[in-house]
Amino acid sequence: MPYKEKKIEKLYYSISEIADMFSVSQSLIRYWESEFEVLNPRKNGKGNRMFTQKDIGHFRKIYDLVKEKGFTLEGARKKLKDGDEPENLELGEIVKKLKEIKTFLTQLDELL
C-alpha cells in the first residue's frame, strides 16, 4: 500500500495572509476587529495577530455583509447578532427543506 501524505492545514494565519485572501488592507482588518466583537484573534508574545479558521469564517461573514451586500457596520453588527444567516440552519433542516422542494418540483412536473 503506497504512502499517502496527509493534507496539512494551518492552524493560524497572519494578518497579512488574511489581507491577501480578501484583497483588503491590514488596517481594515484591525479596524473591523475593534468594531465587531466576534473578531478576536489570538496574539502571540510579540503581539502579532494569529487568526484561526473560525476567525476567518467570522471575517468572511462580515466582509460579505459590508462589502458585498452594502450593509453599514451597525447593520452588519445587528445581522450577526440576530444570527439569521443561512449558515446557522442545522443540516437536518436543510435536508428537510431540500426534500420538500424536490417533492414540490416533482408534483409540478407531473402537472405539466
Protein backbone atom coordinates (compact mmCIF):
# COMPACT_ATOMS: atom_id res chain seq x y z
CA MET A 1 0.00 0.00 0.00
CA PRO A 2 1.63 3.29 -1.07
CA TYR A 3 2.24 6.04 1.44
CA LYS A 4 -0.35 8.79 1.23
CA GLU A 5 0.69 12.12 2.61
CA LYS A 6 -1.90 13.86 4.77
CA LYS A 7 -3.02 17.33 3.86
CA ILE A 8 -1.68 19.72 6.47
CA GLU A 9 -3.97 22.55 7.41
CA LYS A 10 -2.62 25.66 9.02
CA LEU A 11 -3.90 26.41 12.49
CA TYR A 12 -3.05 30.11 12.47
CA TYR A 13 -2.89 32.75 9.77
CA SER A 14 -1.17 36.14 9.98
CA ILE A 15 -2.96 39.41 9.34
CA SER A 16 -1.09 39.79 6.04
CA GLU A 17 -2.36 36.39 4.87
CA ILE A 18 -5.93 37.39 5.72
CA ALA A 19 -5.50 40.72 3.94
CA ASP A 20 -4.27 38.88 0.84
CA MET A 21 -7.16 36.37 0.98
CA PHE A 22 -9.77 39.11 0.90
CA SER A 23 -7.79 41.78 -1.01
CA VAL A 24 -8.19 44.32 1.79
CA SER A 25 -5.72 46.37 3.80
CA GLN A 26 -4.40 45.22 7.15
CA SER A 27 -5.70 48.43 8.71
CA LEU A 28 -9.27 47.49 7.68
CA ILE A 29 -8.88 44.16 9.45
CA ARG A 30 -7.64 45.88 12.61
CA TYR A 31 -10.50 48.40 12.38
CA TRP A 32 -13.15 45.70 11.98
CA GLU A 33 -11.57 43.86 14.90
CA SER A 34 -12.33 46.90 17.06
CA GLU A 35 -15.88 47.21 15.64
CA PHE A 36 -17.01 43.57 15.79
CA GLU A 37 -16.82 41.52 18.99
CA VAL A 38 -16.73 38.22 17.08
CA LEU A 39 -13.36 39.16 15.55
CA ASN A 40 -11.00 38.41 18.37
CA PRO A 41 -7.79 36.76 17.10
CA ARG A 42 -5.19 35.43 19.49
CA LYS A 43 -1.95 37.34 19.80
CA ASN A 44 1.46 35.80 20.24
CA GLY A 45 4.20 37.06 22.56
CA LYS A 46 5.18 39.76 20.08
CA GLY A 47 1.59 40.97 19.78
CA ASN A 48 1.09 39.63 16.25
CA ARG A 49 -2.45 38.58 15.46
CA MET A 50 -2.98 34.87 14.81
CA PHE A 51 -6.27 34.13 13.05
CA THR A 52 -7.90 30.70 13.25
CA GLN A 53 -10.29 29.15 10.71
CA LYS A 54 -13.15 30.30 12.95
CA ASP A 55 -11.86 33.89 12.85
CA ILE A 56 -11.62 33.68 9.06
CA GLY A 57 -15.24 32.47 8.94
CA HIS A 58 -16.36 35.44 11.02
CA PHE A 59 -14.35 37.81 8.84
CA ARG A 60 -15.87 36.25 5.71
CA LYS A 61 -19.40 36.88 7.03
CA ILE A 62 -18.57 40.48 7.91
CA TYR A 63 -16.87 41.03 4.55
CA ASP A 64 -19.90 39.63 2.74
CA LEU A 65 -22.34 41.82 4.66
CA VAL A 66 -20.35 45.05 4.42
CA LYS A 67 -18.52 44.82 1.10
CA GLU A 68 -20.78 42.57 -0.96
CA LYS A 69 -24.28 43.36 0.34
CA GLY A 70 -23.64 47.01 1.28
CA PHE A 71 -24.61 46.86 4.97
CA THR A 72 -23.45 49.59 7.32
CA LEU A 73 -21.25 48.48 10.20
CA GLU A 74 -24.18 48.90 12.59
CA GLY A 75 -26.45 46.92 10.26
CA ALA A 76 -23.85 44.17 9.94
CA ARG A 77 -23.50 44.01 13.74
CA LYS A 78 -27.28 43.60 14.10
CA LYS A 79 -27.41 40.95 11.37
CA LEU A 80 -24.62 38.97 13.03
CA LYS A 81 -26.29 39.29 16.42
CA ASP A 82 -29.66 38.11 15.04
CA GLY A 83 -27.94 35.07 13.59
CA ASP A 84 -30.48 34.57 10.81
CA GLU A 85 -27.85 33.72 8.22
CA PRO A 86 -28.48 30.51 6.24
CA GLU A 87 -25.26 29.03 7.69
CA ASN A 88 -26.98 28.84 11.07
CA LEU A 89 -29.54 26.29 9.88
CA GLU A 90 -28.98 22.77 11.10
CA LEU A 91 -28.03 20.22 8.46
CA GLY A 92 -31.21 18.25 9.15
CA GLU A 93 -33.33 21.33 8.50
CA ILE A 94 -31.54 21.96 5.20
CA VAL A 95 -32.07 18.37 4.06
CA LYS A 96 -35.74 18.53 5.07
CA LYS A 97 -36.28 21.75 3.10
CA LEU A 98 -34.50 20.32 0.05
CA LYS A 99 -36.71 17.21 0.15
CA GLU A 100 -39.81 19.43 0.33
CA ILE A 101 -38.59 21.38 -2.69
CA LYS A 102 -37.89 18.16 -4.58
CA THR A 103 -41.40 16.85 -3.82
CA PHE A 104 -42.93 20.14 -4.95
CA LEU A 105 -40.96 20.15 -8.20
CA THR A 106 -41.86 16.51 -8.90
CA GLN A 107 -45.56 17.28 -8.41
CA LEU A 108 -45.26 20.37 -10.59
CA ASP A 109 -43.56 18.35 -13.33
CA GLU A 110 -46.39 15.78 -13.25
CA LEU A 111 -48.99 18.54 -13.71
CA LEU A 112 -47.25 19.92 -16.76
